[in-house]
Amino acid sequence: MIRKNPNVDIIKDVLQLSIAAYPESNFLKSLLFQYEERGGLSKKQLQDLHTKSLKVSTIPVGKLATLEAVILKKATRYKSPLPVAAPATIKDIKTGQFIDEILVKYPQHKMVLFLKMKFETTELLPAADTAEIERLYKLLILKSK
């Protein structure tokens, strides 16, 4: 973060004043350690620091306002929603009936046997395969009637 005056560090001042008010707080000590080691705090950590420092009456209001401005300036991360499970696909009953009728009349038809195996193993046949089954049904069953 680029600061206009590097000698002024509001976050560190608020941390030190909060630690002076709550010297036993391990949370504030860990925030100060992380701020000094890593050079910054996350938005959530800054929000928690702001909440804790609001209870301290010795911290100037201007520093709290500046801390709040720093919090508002930081980007908010949102978790993406969980992926929705795909609805269970129901096999096309009509396609299965077409396959069975063709195989009753032509039990050794290789293309239909291949499509039957594909129909039984996959959840949903591609549109091209479904169209092929309907074409074969019209050609082999409906033409012979």
Protein backbone atom coordinates (compact mmCIF):
# COMPACT_ATOMS: atom_id res chain seq x y z
CA MET A 1 0.00 0.00 0.00
CA ILE A 2 1.43 3.37 -0.98
CA ARG A 3 1.08 5.91 1.78
CA LYS A 4 1.44 9.66 1.35
CA ASN A 5 3.45 10.00 4.54
CA PRO A 6 5.33 6.81 5.47
CA ASN A 7 5.93 8.13 9.00
CA VAL A 8 2.19 7.98 9.77
CA ASP A 9 0.90 4.44 10.31
CA ILE A 10 -2.68 4.52 11.52
CA ILE A 11 -3.12 0.76 11.71
CA LYS A 12 -0.04 0.33 13.87
CA ASP A 13 -1.10 3.26 16.09
CA VAL A 14 -4.56 1.76 16.59
CA LEU A 15 -3.01 -1.65 17.32
CA GLN A 16 -0.62 -0.21 19.90
CA LEU A 17 -3.34 1.86 21.59
CA SER A 18 -5.63 -1.17 21.69
CA ILE A 19 -2.87 -3.31 23.20
CA ALA A 20 -2.26 -0.59 25.80
CA ALA A 21 -5.96 -0.81 26.74
CA TYR A 22 -6.04 -4.63 26.62
CA PRO A 23 -2.50 -5.79 27.47
CA GLU A 24 -3.59 -9.42 28.00
CA SER A 25 -5.28 -9.79 24.60
CA ASN A 26 -3.53 -12.48 22.58
CA PHE A 27 -5.66 -11.58 19.57
CA LEU A 28 -4.34 -8.02 19.43
CA LYS A 29 -0.77 -9.23 20.00
CA SER A 30 -1.08 -11.68 17.13
CA LEU A 31 -2.49 -8.95 14.88
CA LEU A 32 0.43 -6.66 15.74
CA PHE A 33 2.93 -9.47 15.12
CA GLN A 34 1.37 -10.29 11.76
CA TYR A 35 1.21 -6.61 10.78
CA GLU A 36 4.89 -6.15 11.58
CA GLU A 37 6.00 -9.43 9.97
CA ARG A 38 3.88 -9.44 6.83
CA GLY A 39 3.25 -5.73 6.46
CA GLY A 40 -0.52 -5.86 6.41
CA LEU A 41 -3.77 -7.36 7.63
CA SER A 42 -6.73 -8.81 5.79
CA LYS A 43 -10.02 -7.00 5.57
CA LYS A 44 -11.61 -9.35 8.10
CA GLN A 45 -8.74 -8.82 10.54
CA LEU A 46 -9.03 -5.05 10.14
CA GLN A 47 -12.78 -5.26 10.76
CA ASP A 48 -12.17 -7.25 13.95
CA LEU A 49 -9.53 -4.73 15.04
CA HIS A 50 -11.96 -1.89 14.38
CA THR A 51 -14.67 -3.61 16.42
CA LYS A 52 -12.28 -4.20 19.29
CA SER A 53 -10.82 -0.67 19.14
CA LEU A 54 -14.27 0.97 19.24
CA LYS A 55 -14.50 -0.14 22.87
CA VAL A 56 -11.29 1.76 23.75
CA SER A 57 -12.03 5.37 24.70
CA THR A 58 -8.41 6.57 24.43
CA ILE A 59 -8.17 6.08 20.67
CA PRO A 60 -8.87 9.33 18.78
CA VAL A 61 -11.97 9.33 16.62
CA GLY A 62 -9.96 10.42 13.57
CA LYS A 63 -7.78 7.32 13.73
CA LEU A 64 -10.85 5.10 13.97
CA ALA A 65 -12.38 6.89 10.98
CA THR A 66 -9.16 6.44 9.01
CA LEU A 67 -9.08 2.75 9.93
CA GLU A 68 -12.67 2.44 8.74
CA ALA A 69 -11.73 4.15 5.46
CA VAL A 70 -8.86 1.67 4.98
CA ILE A 71 -11.31 -1.20 5.57
CA LEU A 72 -13.77 0.19 3.04
CA LYS A 73 -10.98 0.62 0.51
CA LYS A 74 -9.98 -3.05 0.66
CA ALA A 75 -11.58 -5.48 -1.75
CA THR A 76 -14.27 -7.79 -0.44
CA ARG A 77 -13.86 -11.45 -1.36
CA TYR A 78 -16.97 -13.45 -1.94
CA LYS A 79 -17.13 -17.22 -1.94
CA SER A 80 -18.63 -18.67 -5.06
CA PRO A 81 -21.80 -20.66 -4.49
CA LEU A 82 -21.55 -24.43 -4.38
CA PRO A 83 -22.12 -26.06 -7.73
CA VAL A 84 -25.62 -27.33 -8.19
CA ALA A 85 -25.83 -31.06 -8.72
CA ALA A 86 -27.04 -31.98 -12.17
CA PRO A 87 -30.55 -33.38 -12.14
CA ALA A 88 -30.74 -37.10 -12.62
CA THR A 89 -31.34 -37.77 -16.28
CA ILE A 90 -34.07 -40.17 -17.20
CA LYS A 91 -33.29 -42.46 -20.10
CA ASP A 92 -35.41 -41.96 -23.16
CA ILE A 93 -37.94 -44.80 -22.97
CA LYS A 94 -38.98 -44.35 -26.59
CA THR A 95 -35.40 -44.88 -27.80
CA GLY A 96 -35.11 -48.04 -25.72
CA GLN A 97 -38.37 -49.36 -27.22
CA PHE A 98 -37.15 -48.60 -30.74
CA ILE A 99 -33.92 -50.52 -30.09
CA ASP A 100 -35.82 -53.51 -28.68
CA GLU A 101 -38.28 -53.65 -31.60
CA ILE A 102 -35.47 -53.52 -34.15
CA LEU A 103 -33.52 -56.26 -32.34
CA VAL A 104 -36.60 -58.49 -32.15
CA LYS A 105 -36.85 -58.43 -35.94
CA TYR A 106 -33.09 -58.16 -36.69
CA PRO A 107 -31.16 -59.64 -33.70
CA GLN A 108 -27.76 -59.50 -35.43
CA HIS A 109 -27.92 -55.88 -36.64
CA LYS A 110 -24.45 -54.59 -35.68
CA MET A 111 -25.24 -50.87 -35.64
CA VAL A 112 -28.28 -51.38 -33.42
CA LEU A 113 -26.34 -53.72 -31.12
CA PHE A 114 -23.63 -51.08 -30.81
CA LEU A 115 -26.18 -48.35 -30.05
CA LYS A 116 -27.93 -50.64 -27.53
CA MET A 117 -24.64 -51.17 -25.69
CA LYS A 118 -24.05 -47.42 -25.74
CA PHE A 119 -27.63 -46.78 -24.56
CA GLU A 120 -27.25 -49.15 -21.61
CA THR A 121 -23.84 -47.89 -20.49
CA THR A 122 -24.29 -44.13 -20.83
CA GLU A 123 -26.80 -41.98 -19.07
CA LEU A 124 -27.91 -40.05 -22.12
CA LEU A 125 -27.30 -40.75 -25.80
CA PRO A 126 -26.10 -37.92 -28.00
CA ALA A 127 -28.67 -36.43 -30.33
CA ALA A 128 -26.93 -37.92 -33.38
CA ASP A 129 -27.25 -41.45 -31.97
CA THR A 130 -30.90 -40.93 -31.06
CA ALA A 131 -31.59 -39.66 -34.57
CA GLU A 132 -29.79 -42.70 -36.01
CA ILE A 133 -31.96 -45.07 -33.96
CA GLU A 134 -35.13 -43.30 -35.12
CA ARG A 135 -33.92 -43.44 -38.74
CA LEU A 136 -33.22 -47.18 -38.49
CA TYR A 137 -36.61 -47.75 -36.83
CA LYS A 138 -38.42 -45.95 -39.64
CA LEU A 139 -36.37 -47.77 -42.26
CA LEU A 140 -36.52 -51.29 -40.83
CA ILE A 141 -39.78 -51.46 -38.89
CA LEU A 142 -42.19 -48.91 -40.30
CA LYS A 143 -41.34 -49.63 -43.96
CA SER A 144 -41.96 -53.35 -43.51
CA LYS A 145 -45.47 -52.84 -42.05
